[in-house]
Amino acid sequence: MAVDSSSKPQPQPLLCWTVCGYRKPGMSEEDYHRTHPSRYLSENHGPLVRGLLAKHGFVSYTIRHNTTSTRSLMAHIFGPQFANIADYDAVITATFRDIESWVAFKGDPEYKVKIMPDHENFADTARSRMTIGWLEDHVWNGRVVDAPGKGQDKSRGEVENEWAENESKVAREKESAGWLSWLSWWRRFVI
């Protein structure tokens, strides 16, 4: 018998804040990204932000580094339909369940004192662009997943749960195999 999926409460899609960022004028690509010992975005700003985001219930925070080198890889990907290559230095995303999480993050005194002023150390805030939207996954962790409310394939959460269960099972099997190996070795001397 088919189950009416419309009667089940549907999960709300995650919201995603995206920044298409430029480094501040005069800052080299090497200083901005990981390729230089200063590694500002990865070594300074990322660690500064992530704890506060977690405190306010954010689901993820991701930095995508777009360098001259990685942009050159586009020659292998693009064609006549999409021929323009974005010149952003980074694309940063933060995902969260509701706008209240974002409001609480921006209202936190730590944000106002430490994080907001830090943007001036590396970001061209006049050129950088941002937007907000919701996430709709179609492939997650190598598996086809269903967008919220469709009821056909597995959701992202179900895929994550299966993956975690499989990892636990593998760990238990390895532990059992290790114990059995030790027991077999030990029995040679006792029996």
Foldseek 3Di string as FASTA:
>chain_A
DDDDPVPDDWADFKKKKKKLFAWDPPDDLCCCDVNHVNRCVVPPQVVLQPVLLVVLAWPDKDKDADDPVNQVCCVVPDDPVDDDGDPGRIMMMIIHRDCVSVVVSCPDVSCVPPNVVCCVVITPVVPMDMDMDGDFDQADPRRGDHGIPPPDHHHNVVVVVVVVVVVVVVVVVVVVVVVVVVVVVVVVVVD
